[in-house]
Amino acid sequence: MTDDYEGDDQDTGDGNHETEATVTCPHCGESVEITLDPSGGDVQEYIEDCEVCCNPWSVSVQYDVEGKAEVEVEKLDE
């Protein structure tokens, strides 16, 4: 599931990168704002729990050359 994101810019030394994204939980359907860490690299995958329903997601983040983040969240395979 790909969602729109709203980001704040942060200067990481190589340009501006978004540091926040708004995603929709694939479990409960609630809109949740998550924090992004540009220092983790241009391509990231990690697990995060929903702040609303506490179910886990698989989060994928990919930054483009301008620092814009594409964020996807999916149900974690159980």
N, C-alpha and C. Protein backbone atom coordinates (compact mmCIF):
# COMPACT_ATOMS: atom_id res chain seq x y z
N MET A 1 0.85 -1.17 0.00
CA MET A 1 0.00 0.00 0.00
C MET A 1 0.89 1.23 0.00
N THR A 2 0.74 2.07 -0.98
CA THR A 2 1.50 3.31 -1.06
C THR A 2 0.59 4.45 -0.62
N ASP A 3 1.15 5.34 0.19
CA ASP A 3 0.36 6.44 0.72
C ASP A 3 1.02 7.76 0.42
N ASP A 4 0.22 8.81 0.43
CA ASP A 4 0.76 10.15 0.32
C ASP A 4 1.51 10.45 1.61
N TYR A 5 2.45 11.31 1.52
CA TYR A 5 3.24 11.65 2.69
C TYR A 5 3.41 13.14 2.76
N GLU A 6 3.54 13.59 3.99
CA GLU A 6 3.80 15.00 4.22
C GLU A 6 5.12 15.04 4.95
N GLY A 7 6.08 15.76 4.42
CA GLY A 7 7.39 15.70 5.04
C GLY A 7 7.93 17.05 5.42
N ASP A 8 8.73 17.03 6.48
CA ASP A 8 9.53 18.18 6.84
C ASP A 8 10.90 17.93 6.25
N ASP A 9 11.57 18.98 5.84
CA ASP A 9 12.89 18.81 5.26
C ASP A 9 13.95 18.91 6.34
N GLN A 10 14.98 18.10 6.18
CA GLN A 10 16.11 18.11 7.09
C GLN A 10 17.37 18.10 6.26
N ASP A 11 18.31 18.96 6.58
CA ASP A 11 19.57 18.98 5.85
C ASP A 11 20.47 17.90 6.43
N THR A 12 20.77 16.88 5.61
CA THR A 12 21.61 15.78 6.07
C THR A 12 23.02 15.90 5.50
N GLY A 13 23.36 17.06 4.97
CA GLY A 13 24.69 17.25 4.42
C GLY A 13 24.73 17.06 2.91
N ASP A 14 23.78 16.30 2.35
CA ASP A 14 23.76 16.08 0.91
C ASP A 14 22.45 16.56 0.29
N GLY A 15 21.72 17.41 1.01
CA GLY A 15 20.46 17.92 0.49
C GLY A 15 19.36 17.82 1.53
N ASN A 16 18.14 18.08 1.10
CA ASN A 16 17.00 18.02 2.01
C ASN A 16 16.29 16.69 1.87
N HIS A 17 15.97 16.08 2.99
CA HIS A 17 15.26 14.81 3.01
C HIS A 17 14.04 14.92 3.90
N GLU A 18 12.95 14.31 3.49
CA GLU A 18 11.74 14.31 4.30
C GLU A 18 11.97 13.48 5.56
N THR A 19 11.42 13.95 6.66
CA THR A 19 11.62 13.27 7.95
C THR A 19 10.32 12.78 8.57
N GLU A 20 9.19 13.01 7.91
CA GLU A 20 7.91 12.52 8.40
C GLU A 20 7.06 12.06 7.22
N ALA A 21 6.19 11.08 7.50
CA ALA A 21 5.27 10.60 6.48
C ALA A 21 3.96 10.24 7.15
N THR A 22 2.86 10.45 6.45
CA THR A 22 1.56 10.02 6.93
C THR A 22 1.15 8.81 6.11
N VAL A 23 0.90 7.69 6.82
CA VAL A 23 0.56 6.43 6.16
C VAL A 23 -0.77 5.93 6.72
N THR A 24 -1.36 4.96 6.04
CA THR A 24 -2.60 4.34 6.51
C THR A 24 -2.27 2.93 6.99
N CYS A 25 -2.66 2.61 8.21
CA CYS A 25 -2.39 1.29 8.77
C CYS A 25 -3.13 0.23 7.96
N PRO A 26 -2.42 -0.80 7.51
CA PRO A 26 -3.08 -1.86 6.74
C PRO A 26 -3.96 -2.78 7.59
N HIS A 27 -3.87 -2.65 8.91
CA HIS A 27 -4.70 -3.45 9.82
C HIS A 27 -6.00 -2.74 10.18
N CYS A 28 -5.88 -1.52 10.71
CA CYS A 28 -7.06 -0.82 11.25
C CYS A 28 -7.56 0.31 10.35
N GLY A 29 -6.78 0.71 9.35
CA GLY A 29 -7.21 1.75 8.42
C GLY A 29 -7.04 3.17 8.92
N GLU A 30 -6.44 3.35 10.10
CA GLU A 30 -6.23 4.70 10.64
C GLU A 30 -5.03 5.37 9.98
N SER A 31 -5.11 6.68 9.85
CA SER A 31 -4.01 7.47 9.34
C SER A 31 -3.03 7.73 10.48
N VAL A 32 -1.75 7.43 10.25
CA VAL A 32 -0.73 7.54 11.29
C VAL A 32 0.47 8.28 10.74
N GLU A 33 1.01 9.22 11.52
CA GLU A 33 2.21 9.93 11.12
C GLU A 33 3.42 9.19 11.70
N ILE A 34 4.39 8.87 10.83
CA ILE A 34 5.59 8.20 11.29
C ILE A 34 6.80 9.08 11.03
N THR A 35 7.85 8.87 11.79
CA THR A 35 9.09 9.61 11.64
C THR A 35 10.03 8.81 10.74
N LEU A 36 10.65 9.50 9.80
CA LEU A 36 11.62 8.89 8.90
C LEU A 36 13.02 9.31 9.31
N ASP A 37 13.99 8.43 9.09
CA ASP A 37 15.38 8.71 9.44
C ASP A 37 16.24 8.70 8.18
N PRO A 38 16.49 9.87 7.58
CA PRO A 38 17.28 9.92 6.35
C PRO A 38 18.69 9.35 6.52
N SER A 39 19.22 9.35 7.74
CA SER A 39 20.58 8.84 7.95
C SER A 39 20.66 7.33 7.79
N GLY A 40 19.51 6.66 7.67
CA GLY A 40 19.48 5.21 7.49
C GLY A 40 19.75 4.78 6.05
N GLY A 41 19.92 5.73 5.14
CA GLY A 41 20.21 5.40 3.74
C GLY A 41 19.05 5.71 2.83
N ASP A 42 19.32 5.64 1.53
CA ASP A 42 18.31 5.98 0.54
C ASP A 42 17.24 4.92 0.38
N VAL A 43 17.55 3.67 0.74
CA VAL A 43 16.58 2.58 0.69
C VAL A 43 16.58 1.92 2.05
N GLN A 44 15.39 1.83 2.67
CA GLN A 44 15.28 1.28 4.02
C GLN A 44 14.09 0.34 4.11
N GLU A 45 14.22 -0.69 4.92
CA GLU A 45 13.10 -1.57 5.27
C GLU A 45 13.22 -1.88 6.75
N TYR A 46 12.10 -1.76 7.45
CA TYR A 46 12.10 -2.07 8.87
C TYR A 46 10.68 -2.39 9.33
N ILE A 47 10.56 -2.82 10.57
CA ILE A 47 9.26 -3.17 11.15
C ILE A 47 8.89 -2.10 12.18
N GLU A 48 7.63 -1.69 12.14
CA GLU A 48 7.13 -0.69 13.09
C GLU A 48 5.71 -1.08 13.48
N ASP A 49 5.33 -0.81 14.71
CA ASP A 49 3.97 -1.10 15.17
C ASP A 49 3.08 0.11 15.00
N CYS A 50 1.82 -0.13 14.66
CA CYS A 50 0.83 0.94 14.55
C CYS A 50 0.61 1.57 15.92
N GLU A 51 0.59 2.91 15.97
CA GLU A 51 0.34 3.62 17.22
C GLU A 51 -1.10 3.45 17.70
N VAL A 52 -2.00 3.09 16.80
CA VAL A 52 -3.42 2.99 17.13
C VAL A 52 -3.78 1.56 17.58
N CYS A 53 -3.48 0.56 16.72
CA CYS A 53 -3.91 -0.81 17.02
C CYS A 53 -2.79 -1.73 17.48
N CYS A 54 -1.55 -1.25 17.46
CA CYS A 54 -0.36 -1.97 17.92
C CYS A 54 0.03 -3.18 17.08
N ASN A 55 -0.58 -3.37 15.91
CA ASN A 55 -0.19 -4.45 15.02
C ASN A 55 1.04 -4.04 14.22
N PRO A 56 1.90 -5.01 13.87
CA PRO A 56 3.15 -4.68 13.18
C PRO A 56 2.98 -4.49 11.67
N TRP A 57 3.80 -3.59 11.12
CA TRP A 57 3.85 -3.35 9.68
C TRP A 57 5.28 -3.59 9.20
N SER A 58 5.39 -3.87 7.93
CA SER A 58 6.66 -3.81 7.23
C SER A 58 6.68 -2.45 6.54
N VAL A 59 7.68 -1.65 6.84
CA VAL A 59 7.80 -0.31 6.28
C VAL A 59 8.94 -0.28 5.28
N SER A 60 8.67 0.23 4.08
CA SER A 60 9.69 0.42 3.06
C SER A 60 9.77 1.91 2.74
N VAL A 61 10.98 2.45 2.76
CA VAL A 61 11.21 3.86 2.46
C VAL A 61 12.27 3.94 1.38
N GLN A 62 11.99 4.75 0.37
CA GLN A 62 12.99 4.98 -0.68
C GLN A 62 13.03 6.48 -0.96
N TYR A 63 14.23 7.07 -0.80
CA TYR A 63 14.44 8.48 -1.09
C TYR A 63 14.90 8.66 -2.53
N ASP A 64 14.36 9.69 -3.20
CA ASP A 64 14.88 10.01 -4.53
C ASP A 64 16.02 11.01 -4.39
N VAL A 65 16.59 11.44 -5.51
CA VAL A 65 17.76 12.32 -5.47
C VAL A 65 17.46 13.69 -4.88
N GLU A 66 16.19 14.08 -4.85
CA GLU A 66 15.80 15.37 -4.27
C GLU A 66 15.43 15.26 -2.80
N GLY A 67 15.49 14.04 -2.23
CA GLY A 67 15.18 13.85 -0.82
C GLY A 67 13.72 13.55 -0.54
N LYS A 68 12.93 13.37 -1.59
CA LYS A 68 11.51 13.04 -1.42
C LYS A 68 11.39 11.55 -1.13
N ALA A 69 10.58 11.21 -0.14
CA ALA A 69 10.46 9.82 0.29
C ALA A 69 9.21 9.18 -0.28
N GLU A 70 9.36 7.95 -0.78
CA GLU A 70 8.23 7.11 -1.14
C GLU A 70 8.14 6.06 -0.02
N VAL A 71 6.98 6.04 0.64
CA VAL A 71 6.82 5.17 1.81
C VAL A 71 5.68 4.19 1.56
N GLU A 72 5.94 2.92 1.84
CA GLU A 72 4.93 1.88 1.74
C GLU A 72 4.86 1.13 3.07
N VAL A 73 3.64 0.82 3.50
CA VAL A 73 3.47 -0.02 4.68
C VAL A 73 2.57 -1.19 4.30
N GLU A 74 2.93 -2.38 4.77
CA GLU A 74 2.16 -3.59 4.50
C GLU A 74 2.03 -4.39 5.78
N LYS A 75 1.00 -5.21 5.85
CA LYS A 75 0.86 -6.11 6.98
C LYS A 75 2.09 -6.99 7.05
N LEU A 76 2.57 -7.21 8.25
CA LEU A 76 3.71 -8.09 8.43
C LEU A 76 3.21 -9.52 8.29
N ASP A 77 3.92 -10.32 7.49
CA ASP A 77 3.53 -11.72 7.33
C ASP A 77 3.60 -12.43 8.67
N GLU A 78 2.51 -13.09 8.99
CA GLU A 78 2.46 -13.77 10.29
C GLU A 78 2.57 -15.24 10.12
